[in-house]
Amino acid sequence: MGGWDDPSFVAERVQRDGMELQFASEEVKGAKEVVLQAVARHGSSLYYAAAALKDDEDVVLAAVGQNGLSLCYASARLKAQKAVVDAAIANDGRAIYHADKSFHRDPLAVLAAVANRGDALQYAHWTLRQHYKILAVALKTDPRALLFVHPDLLVLNPENMVAQNLEKEVLQELVRKLWQSGNAAVLEKLIVIAAKWNAKETLQMFPATIIPSLRKMLVEEILPEDNSLFELLPAVCKKDPGLVKAANRVYGE
């Protein structure tokens, strides 16, 4: 039976576990047919391939087709080749991070990336993180993509930027970032939007955050519809005549 310098032996081993390519001799790591079998099984085994094969389109396409993120091991030339980058993104949108920087500014490449993985938005050039169509696709794929939306866009049109199925932890993280950046205008809009969709959750998250626009919504919309939410307000708010009246209005008091 052959050893790690025997192409047939290595080929048999990598068919079971592509990462076993790492044990092969340098000569076998340069054998295209063996490496093709390895990357087809485990794309990241491209790391162990000879430099010449990291610049081989057939090998790299096989690798990124199995694991898009293995694009990071490809040659600079292939990281800039559209067919290779497209294949990598189709497998895992985050692969755009490893592509040539020109793809970070390419609307079609970024759109394909966020359609696969919403959080791939973080790797787009900031100008594309303000592109409505790209954002809409990213948010539909993964509401957490909201964390990577350019703040200026939230100021301009936050209603279109926030997904209705926004997860609690995503909202918390976004609010934390906005709070740290001192972006009070966006923070207020975001809290109000969140309250429209899930008043109870929002009031539980921000029990002491009764800003003017949120108070107005409480009086005009939220409490008249569900006065039980009044109990979630901090003590100081329960002394507000307008809020008290709004909470009782549902009972005609």
C-alpha atoms as a PDB file:
ATOM      1  CA  MET A   1       0.000   0.000   0.000  1.00  0.00           C
ATOM      2  CA  GLY A   2       1.368   3.421  -0.955  1.00  0.00           C
ATOM      3  CA  GLY A   3       2.063   6.361   1.313  1.00  0.00           C
ATOM      4  CA  TRP A   4       1.534  10.117   1.251  1.00  0.00           C
ATOM      5  CA  ASP A   5       3.797  10.458  -1.775  1.00  0.00           C
ATOM      6  CA  ASP A   6       1.580   8.089  -3.748  1.00  0.00           C
ATOM      7  CA  PRO A   7      -1.145   9.949  -5.743  1.00  0.00           C
ATOM      8  CA  SER A   8      -3.456   6.918  -5.753  1.00  0.00           C
ATOM      9  CA  PHE A   9      -3.179   6.502  -1.988  1.00  0.00           C
ATOM     10  CA  VAL A  10      -3.801  10.205  -1.338  1.00  0.00           C
ATOM     11  CA  ALA A  11      -6.690  10.281  -3.801  1.00  0.00           C
ATOM     12  CA  GLU A  12      -8.377   7.494  -1.881  1.00  0.00           C
ATOM     13  CA  ARG A  13      -7.846   9.287   1.430  1.00  0.00           C
ATOM     14  CA  VAL A  14      -9.093  12.697   0.294  1.00  0.00           C
ATOM     15  CA  GLN A  15     -12.252  11.178  -1.121  1.00  0.00           C
ATOM     16  CA  ARG A  16     -13.168  10.427   2.487  1.00  0.00           C
ATOM     17  CA  ASP A  17     -11.768  13.632   4.000  1.00  0.00           C
ATOM     18  CA  GLY A  18     -10.460  16.375   1.743  1.00  0.00           C
ATOM     19  CA  MET A  19      -8.455  17.926   4.569  1.00  0.00           C
ATOM     20  CA  GLU A  20      -6.115  14.935   4.554  1.00  0.00           C
ATOM     21  CA  LEU A  21      -4.467  16.621   1.593  1.00  0.00           C
ATOM     22  CA  GLN A  22      -2.336  18.360   4.201  1.00  0.00           C
ATOM     23  CA  PHE A  23      -0.411  15.136   4.813  1.00  0.00           C
ATOM     24  CA  ALA A  24       0.469  14.582   1.170  1.00  0.00           C
ATOM     25  CA  SER A  25       3.929  15.213  -0.203  1.00  0.00           C
ATOM     26  CA  GLU A  26       4.603  18.506  -1.962  1.00  0.00           C
ATOM     27  CA  GLU A  27       4.619  16.703  -5.270  1.00  0.00           C
ATOM     28  CA  VAL A  28       1.180  15.169  -4.696  1.00  0.00           C
ATOM     29  CA  LYS A  29      -0.178  18.546  -3.519  1.00  0.00           C
ATOM     30  CA  GLY A  30       0.608  19.692  -7.024  1.00  0.00           C
ATOM     31  CA  ALA A  31      -1.254  16.824  -8.701  1.00  0.00           C
ATOM     32  CA  LYS A  32      -4.359  18.436 -10.167  1.00  0.00           C
ATOM     33  CA  GLU A  33      -6.601  15.348 -10.197  1.00  0.00           C
ATOM     34  CA  VAL A  34      -5.840  14.573  -6.555  1.00  0.00           C
ATOM     35  CA  VAL A  35      -6.439  18.162  -5.454  1.00  0.00           C
ATOM     36  CA  LEU A  36      -9.663  18.318  -7.426  1.00  0.00           C
ATOM     37  CA  GLN A  37     -10.956  15.349  -5.443  1.00  0.00           C
ATOM     38  CA  ALA A  38      -9.874  16.944  -2.189  1.00  0.00           C
ATOM     39  CA  VAL A  39     -11.527  20.333  -2.772  1.00  0.00           C
ATOM     40  CA  ALA A  40     -14.681  18.700  -4.081  1.00  0.00           C
ATOM     41  CA  ARG A  41     -14.949  17.012  -0.688  1.00  0.00           C
ATOM     42  CA  HIS A  42     -13.747  19.931   1.416  1.00  0.00           C
ATOM     43  CA  GLY A  43     -13.278  23.295  -0.292  1.00  0.00           C
ATOM     44  CA  SER A  44     -10.968  24.631   2.388  1.00  0.00           C
ATOM     45  CA  SER A  45      -8.398  21.957   1.553  1.00  0.00           C
ATOM     46  CA  LEU A  46      -7.417  24.386  -1.212  1.00  0.00           C
ATOM     47  CA  TYR A  47      -5.184  25.863   1.483  1.00  0.00           C
ATOM     48  CA  TYR A  48      -2.871  22.837   1.188  1.00  0.00           C
ATOM     49  CA  ALA A  49      -2.719  22.781  -2.599  1.00  0.00           C
ATOM     50  CA  ALA A  50       0.396  23.821  -4.468  1.00  0.00           C
ATOM     51  CA  ALA A  51       0.553  27.514  -5.382  1.00  0.00           C
ATOM     52  CA  ALA A  52       0.114  26.718  -9.061  1.00  0.00           C
ATOM     53  CA  LEU A  53      -3.214  24.997  -8.379  1.00  0.00           C
ATOM     54  CA  LYS A  54      -4.471  27.929  -6.321  1.00  0.00           C
ATOM     55  CA  ASP A  55      -4.215  29.784  -9.613  1.00  0.00           C
ATOM     56  CA  ASP A  56      -5.958  27.018 -11.568  1.00  0.00           C
ATOM     57  CA  GLU A  57      -9.523  27.967 -12.473  1.00  0.00           C
ATOM     58  CA  ASP A  58     -10.842  24.395 -12.494  1.00  0.00           C
ATOM     59  CA  VAL A  59      -9.475  23.669  -9.025  1.00  0.00           C
ATOM     60  CA  VAL A  60     -10.617  26.951  -7.498  1.00  0.00           C
ATOM     61  CA  LEU A  61     -14.094  26.685  -9.021  1.00  0.00           C
ATOM     62  CA  ALA A  62     -14.444  23.216  -7.528  1.00  0.00           C
ATOM     63  CA  ALA A  63     -13.297  24.529  -4.149  1.00  0.00           C
ATOM     64  CA  VAL A  64     -15.602  27.555  -3.975  1.00  0.00           C
ATOM     65  CA  GLY A  65     -18.478  25.475  -5.268  1.00  0.00           C
ATOM     66  CA  GLN A  66     -18.124  23.326  -2.165  1.00  0.00           C
ATOM     67  CA  ASN A  67     -17.260  26.169   0.220  1.00  0.00           C
ATOM     68  CA  GLY A  68     -17.472  29.730  -1.025  1.00  0.00           C
ATOM     69  CA  LEU A  69     -15.245  31.024   1.741  1.00  0.00           C
ATOM     70  CA  SER A  70     -12.336  28.985   0.389  1.00  0.00           C
ATOM     71  CA  LEU A  71     -11.964  31.835  -2.106  1.00  0.00           C
ATOM     72  CA  CYS A  72      -9.582  33.292   0.465  1.00  0.00           C
ATOM     73  CA  TYR A  73      -6.994  30.681  -0.571  1.00  0.00           C
ATOM     74  CA  ALA A  74      -7.203  31.410  -4.291  1.00  0.00           C
ATOM     75  CA  SER A  75      -4.619  33.437  -6.158  1.00  0.00           C
ATOM     76  CA  ALA A  76      -5.064  37.199  -6.499  1.00  0.00           C
ATOM     77  CA  ARG A  77      -5.730  36.687 -10.206  1.00  0.00           C
ATOM     78  CA  LEU A  78      -8.680  34.378  -9.601  1.00  0.00           C
ATOM     79  CA  LYS A  79     -10.038  36.523  -6.776  1.00  0.00           C
ATOM     80  CA  ALA A  80     -10.533  39.133  -9.460  1.00  0.00           C
ATOM     81  CA  GLN A  81     -12.125  36.775 -11.983  1.00  0.00           C
ATOM     82  CA  LYS A  82     -15.887  37.219 -12.249  1.00  0.00           C
ATOM     83  CA  ALA A  83     -16.763  33.562 -12.879  1.00  0.00           C
ATOM     84  CA  VAL A  84     -14.855  32.452  -9.798  1.00  0.00           C
ATOM     85  CA  VAL A  85     -16.232  35.196  -7.549  1.00  0.00           C
ATOM     86  CA  ASP A  86     -19.779  34.575  -8.789  1.00  0.00           C
ATOM     87  CA  ALA A  87     -19.462  30.877  -7.965  1.00  0.00           C
ATOM     88  CA  ALA A  88     -18.084  31.624  -4.511  1.00  0.00           C
ATOM     89  CA  ILE A  89     -20.858  34.110  -3.736  1.00  0.00           C
ATOM     90  CA  ALA A  90     -23.498  31.689  -4.960  1.00  0.00           C
ATOM     91  CA  ASN A  91     -22.289  29.243  -2.320  1.00  0.00           C
ATOM     92  CA  ASP A  92     -21.798  31.784   0.479  1.00  0.00           C
ATOM     93  CA  GLY A  93     -22.469  35.492   0.076  1.00  0.00           C
ATOM     94  CA  ARG A  94     -19.810  36.342   2.634  1.00  0.00           C
ATOM     95  CA  ALA A  95     -17.185  35.182   0.130  1.00  0.00           C
ATOM     96  CA  ILE A  96     -17.351  38.653  -1.393  1.00  0.00           C
ATOM     97  CA  TYR A  97     -15.125  39.736   1.481  1.00  0.00           C
ATOM     98  CA  HIS A  98     -12.282  37.680  -0.003  1.00  0.00           C
ATOM     99  CA  ALA A  99     -12.857  38.849  -3.568  1.00  0.00           C
ATOM    100  CA  ASP A 100     -10.912  41.632  -5.200  1.00  0.00           C
ATOM    101  CA  LYS A 101     -11.969  44.987  -3.712  1.00  0.00           C
ATOM    102  CA  SER A 102     -13.534  46.008  -7.021  1.00  0.00           C
ATOM    103  CA  PHE A 103     -16.389  43.594  -6.303  1.00  0.00           C
ATOM    104  CA  HIS A 104     -17.214  45.477  -3.082  1.00  0.00           C
ATOM    105  CA  ARG A 105     -18.233  48.390  -5.323  1.00  0.00           C
ATOM    106  CA  ASP A 106     -20.027  46.239  -7.905  1.00  0.00           C
ATOM    107  CA  PRO A 107     -23.827  46.528  -7.398  1.00  0.00           C
ATOM    108  CA  LEU A 108     -24.577  43.210  -9.115  1.00  0.00           C
ATOM    109  CA  ALA A 109     -21.958  41.320  -7.113  1.00  0.00           C
ATOM    110  CA  VAL A 110     -23.138  42.840  -3.848  1.00  0.00           C
ATOM    111  CA  LEU A 111     -26.772  42.176  -4.728  1.00  0.00           C
ATOM    112  CA  ALA A 112     -25.975  38.511  -5.367  1.00  0.00           C
ATOM    113  CA  ALA A 113     -24.028  38.332  -2.118  1.00  0.00           C
ATOM    114  CA  VAL A 114     -26.790  39.770   0.082  1.00  0.00           C
ATOM    115  CA  ALA A 115     -29.398  37.625  -1.654  1.00  0.00           C
ATOM    116  CA  ASN A 116     -27.444  34.637  -0.372  1.00  0.00           C
ATOM    117  CA  ARG A 117     -26.412  36.079   3.002  1.00  0.00           C
ATOM    118  CA  GLY A 118     -27.947  39.306   4.266  1.00  0.00           C
ATOM    119  CA  ASP A 119     -25.019  39.945   6.572  1.00  0.00           C
ATOM    120  CA  ALA A 120     -22.710  40.106   3.540  1.00  0.00           C
ATOM    121  CA  LEU A 121     -23.878  43.722   3.379  1.00  0.00           C
ATOM    122  CA  GLN A 122     -21.124  44.575   5.863  1.00  0.00           C
ATOM    123  CA  TYR A 123     -18.508  43.930   3.152  1.00  0.00           C
ATOM    124  CA  ALA A 124     -20.081  46.230   0.577  1.00  0.00           C
ATOM    125  CA  HIS A 125     -18.619  49.637  -0.078  1.00  0.00           C
ATOM    126  CA  TRP A 126     -20.406  52.254   2.004  1.00  0.00           C
ATOM    127  CA  THR A 127     -22.011  53.754  -1.104  1.00  0.00           C
ATOM    128  CA  LEU A 128     -23.809  50.457  -1.770  1.00  0.00           C
ATOM    129  CA  ARG A 129     -24.942  50.220   1.837  1.00  0.00           C
ATOM    130  CA  GLN A 130     -27.158  53.178   0.904  1.00  0.00           C
ATOM    131  CA  HIS A 131     -28.649  51.470  -2.169  1.00  0.00           C
ATOM    132  CA  TYR A 132     -32.361  50.815  -1.529  1.00  0.00           C
ATOM    133  CA  LYS A 133     -32.679  47.742  -3.733  1.00  0.00           C
ATOM    134  CA  ILE A 134     -29.612  46.103  -2.187  1.00  0.00           C
ATOM    135  CA  LEU A 135     -30.851  46.917   1.302  1.00  0.00           C
ATOM    136  CA  ALA A 136     -34.311  45.574   0.614  1.00  0.00           C
ATOM    137  CA  VAL A 137     -32.868  42.256  -0.542  1.00  0.00           C
ATOM    138  CA  ALA A 138     -30.414  42.085   2.367  1.00  0.00           C
ATOM    139  CA  LEU A 139     -33.113  42.752   4.963  1.00  0.00           C
ATOM    140  CA  LYS A 140     -35.429  40.207   3.400  1.00  0.00           C
ATOM    141  CA  THR A 141     -32.667  37.607   3.554  1.00  0.00           C
ATOM    142  CA  ASP A 142     -31.614  38.462   7.092  1.00  0.00           C
ATOM    143  CA  PRO A 143     -33.029  41.301   9.246  1.00  0.00           C
ATOM    144  CA  ARG A 144     -29.672  41.486  11.026  1.00  0.00           C
ATOM    145  CA  ALA A 145     -28.347  43.199   7.929  1.00  0.00           C
ATOM    146  CA  LEU A 146     -29.896  46.323   9.432  1.00  0.00           C
ATOM    147  CA  LEU A 147     -26.796  46.547  11.605  1.00  0.00           C
ATOM    148  CA  PHE A 148     -24.735  47.357   8.520  1.00  0.00           C
ATOM    149  CA  VAL A 149     -27.047  49.975   6.997  1.00  0.00           C
ATOM    150  CA  HIS A 150     -25.399  53.354   6.643  1.00  0.00           C
ATOM    151  CA  PRO A 151     -26.755  55.590   9.482  1.00  0.00           C
ATOM    152  CA  ASP A 152     -27.522  58.434   7.085  1.00  0.00           C
ATOM    153  CA  LEU A 153     -30.029  56.256   5.296  1.00  0.00           C
ATOM    154  CA  LEU A 154     -31.842  55.453   8.533  1.00  0.00           C
ATOM    155  CA  VAL A 155     -32.235  59.179   9.107  1.00  0.00           C
ATOM    156  CA  LEU A 156     -33.656  59.720   5.630  1.00  0.00           C
ATOM    157  CA  ASN A 157     -36.142  56.876   5.532  1.00  0.00           C
ATOM    158  CA  PRO A 158     -36.044  54.526   8.528  1.00  0.00           C
ATOM    159  CA  GLU A 159     -39.462  53.001   7.836  1.00  0.00           C
ATOM    160  CA  ASN A 160     -38.127  51.378   4.669  1.00  0.00           C
ATOM    161  CA  MET A 161     -34.972  50.168   6.350  1.00  0.00           C
ATOM    162  CA  VAL A 162     -36.376  48.253   9.319  1.00  0.00           C
ATOM    163  CA  ALA A 163     -37.715  44.754   8.698  1.00  0.00           C
ATOM    164  CA  GLN A 164     -41.018  43.946  10.399  1.00  0.00           C
ATOM    165  CA  ASN A 165     -39.636  40.705  11.755  1.00  0.00           C
ATOM    166  CA  LEU A 166     -36.711  42.475  13.379  1.00  0.00           C
ATOM    167  CA  GLU A 167     -35.301  40.319  16.145  1.00  0.00           C
ATOM    168  CA  LYS A 168     -35.007  41.709  19.645  1.00  0.00           C
ATOM    169  CA  GLU A 169     -31.255  41.229  19.879  1.00  0.00           C
ATOM    170  CA  VAL A 170     -30.751  42.963  16.532  1.00  0.00           C
ATOM    171  CA  LEU A 171     -32.712  45.983  17.687  1.00  0.00           C
ATOM    172  CA  GLN A 172     -30.768  46.052  20.943  1.00  0.00           C
ATOM    173  CA  GLU A 173     -27.442  45.922  19.124  1.00  0.00           C
ATOM    174  CA  LEU A 174     -28.462  48.614  16.664  1.00  0.00           C
ATOM    175  CA  VAL A 175     -29.688  50.894  19.441  1.00  0.00           C
ATOM    176  CA  ARG A 176     -26.401  50.319  21.298  1.00  0.00           C
ATOM    177  CA  LYS A 177     -24.420  51.359  18.235  1.00  0.00           C
ATOM    178  CA  LEU A 178     -26.550  54.427  17.653  1.00  0.00           C
ATOM    179  CA  TRP A 179     -26.330  55.383  21.313  1.00  0.00           C
ATOM    180  CA  GLN A 180     -22.539  55.142  21.240  1.00  0.00           C
ATOM    181  CA  SER A 181     -22.367  57.214  18.069  1.00  0.00           C
ATOM    182  CA  GLY A 182     -24.558  59.903  19.613  1.00  0.00           C
ATOM    183  CA  ASN A 183     -27.040  59.665  16.754  1.00  0.00           C
ATOM    184  CA  ALA A 184     -30.088  60.634  18.800  1.00  0.00           C
ATOM    185  CA  ALA A 185     -32.258  61.452  15.780  1.00  0.00           C
ATOM    186  CA  VAL A 186     -31.940  57.964  14.339  1.00  0.00           C
ATOM    187  CA  LEU A 187     -32.289  56.376  17.773  1.00  0.00           C
ATOM    188  CA  GLU A 188     -35.603  58.121  18.398  1.00  0.00           C
ATOM    189  CA  LYS A 189     -36.995  57.171  14.994  1.00  0.00           C
ATOM    190  CA  LEU A 190     -35.942  53.575  15.431  1.00  0.00           C
ATOM    191  CA  ILE A 191     -37.594  53.226  18.832  1.00  0.00           C
ATOM    192  CA  VAL A 192     -40.822  54.706  17.516  1.00  0.00           C
ATOM    193  CA  ILE A 193     -40.834  52.357  14.525  1.00  0.00           C
ATOM    194  CA  ALA A 194     -40.179  49.396  16.795  1.00  0.00           C
ATOM    195  CA  ALA A 195     -43.051  50.468  19.033  1.00  0.00           C
ATOM    196  CA  LYS A 196     -45.437  50.480  16.059  1.00  0.00           C
ATOM    197  CA  TRP A 197     -44.669  46.845  15.337  1.00  0.00           C
ATOM    198  CA  ASN A 198     -44.272  45.520  18.855  1.00  0.00           C
ATOM    199  CA  ALA A 199     -45.180  48.004  21.555  1.00  0.00           C
ATOM    200  CA  LYS A 200     -44.845  45.563  24.455  1.00  0.00           C
ATOM    201  CA  GLU A 201     -41.373  44.405  23.472  1.00  0.00           C
ATOM    202  CA  THR A 202     -40.216  47.957  22.877  1.00  0.00           C
ATOM    203  CA  LEU A 203     -41.506  49.278  26.181  1.00  0.00           C
ATOM    204  CA  GLN A 204     -39.868  46.378  28.001  1.00  0.00           C
ATOM    205  CA  MET A 205     -36.568  47.130  26.306  1.00  0.00           C
ATOM    206  CA  PHE A 206     -36.725  50.871  26.880  1.00  0.00           C
ATOM    207  CA  PRO A 207     -38.845  51.312  30.035  1.00  0.00           C
ATOM    208  CA  ALA A 208     -37.327  54.711  30.831  1.00  0.00           C
ATOM    209  CA  THR A 209     -37.093  55.973  27.270  1.00  0.00           C
ATOM    210  CA  ILE A 210     -40.224  58.077  26.941  1.00  0.00           C
ATOM    211  CA  ILE A 211     -39.169  60.552  24.321  1.00  0.00           C
ATOM    212  CA  PRO A 212     -41.678  63.104  22.951  1.00  0.00           C
ATOM    213  CA  SER A 213     -42.530  61.251  19.756  1.00  0.00           C
ATOM    214  CA  LEU A 214     -42.927  57.950  21.616  1.00  0.00           C
ATOM    215  CA  ARG A 215     -45.157  59.648  24.203  1.00  0.00           C
ATOM    216  CA  LYS A 216     -47.309  61.006  21.388  1.00  0.00           C
ATOM    217  CA  MET A 217     -47.667  57.513  19.930  1.00  0.00           C
ATOM    218  CA  LEU A 218     -48.519  56.095  23.354  1.00  0.00           C
ATOM    219  CA  VAL A 219     -51.300  58.648  23.773  1.00  0.00           C
ATOM    220  CA  GLU A 220     -52.737  58.462  20.261  1.00  0.00           C
ATOM    221  CA  GLU A 221     -52.219  54.849  19.191  1.00  0.00           C
ATOM    222  CA  ILE A 222     -50.685  52.359  21.600  1.00  0.00           C
ATOM    223  CA  LEU A 223     -52.529  52.788  24.904  1.00  0.00           C
ATOM    224  CA  PRO A 224     -56.002  53.262  23.375  1.00  0.00           C
ATOM    225  CA  GLU A 225     -55.520  49.923  21.626  1.00  0.00           C
ATOM    226  CA  ASP A 226     -54.049  48.039  24.594  1.00  0.00           C
ATOM    227  CA  ASN A 227     -54.152  49.801  27.932  1.00  0.00           C
ATOM    228  CA  SER A 228     -52.456  46.872  29.706  1.00  0.00           C
ATOM    229  CA  LEU A 229     -49.170  48.239  28.356  1.00  0.00           C
ATOM    230  CA  PHE A 230     -49.586  51.121  30.791  1.00  0.00           C
ATOM    231  CA  GLU A 231     -48.211  48.823  33.499  1.00  0.00           C
ATOM    232  CA  LEU A 232     -44.896  48.597  31.648  1.00  0.00           C
ATOM    233  CA  LEU A 233     -44.283  52.327  31.955  1.00  0.00           C
ATOM    234  CA  PRO A 234     -41.963  53.694  34.645  1.00  0.00           C
ATOM    235  CA  ALA A 235     -43.596  55.269  37.717  1.00  0.00           C
ATOM    236  CA  VAL A 236     -42.981  58.825  36.583  1.00  0.00           C
ATOM    237  CA  CYS A 237     -44.922  58.182  33.372  1.00  0.00           C
ATOM    238  CA  LYS A 238     -47.893  56.783  35.265  1.00  0.00           C
ATOM    239  CA  LYS A 239     -48.377  60.262  36.695  1.00  0.00           C
ATOM    240  CA  ASP A 240     -48.639  61.818  33.246  1.00  0.00           C
ATOM    241  CA  PRO A 241     -52.301  62.933  32.823  1.00  0.00           C
ATOM    242  CA  GLY A 242     -52.222  62.372  29.085  1.00  0.00           C
ATOM    243  CA  LEU A 243     -50.962  58.809  29.403  1.00  0.00           C
ATOM    244  CA  VAL A 244     -53.408  58.022  32.184  1.00  0.00           C
ATOM    245  CA  LYS A 245     -56.289  59.313  30.103  1.00  0.00           C
ATOM    246  CA  ALA A 246     -55.153  57.366  27.044  1.00  0.00           C
ATOM    247  CA  ALA A 247     -54.939  54.166  29.059  1.00  0.00           C
ATOM    248  CA  ASN A 248     -58.473  54.603  30.379  1.00  0.00           C
ATOM    249  CA  ARG A 249     -59.942  55.635  27.056  1.00  0.00           C
ATOM    250  CA  VAL A 250     -60.333  52.041  25.928  1.00  0.00           C
ATOM    251  CA  TYR A 251     -62.836  51.536  28.750  1.00  0.00           C
ATOM    252  CA  GLY A 252     -64.626  54.776  28.047  1.00  0.00           C
ATOM    253  CA  GLU A 253     -63.558  56.279  31.359  1.00  0.00           C
END
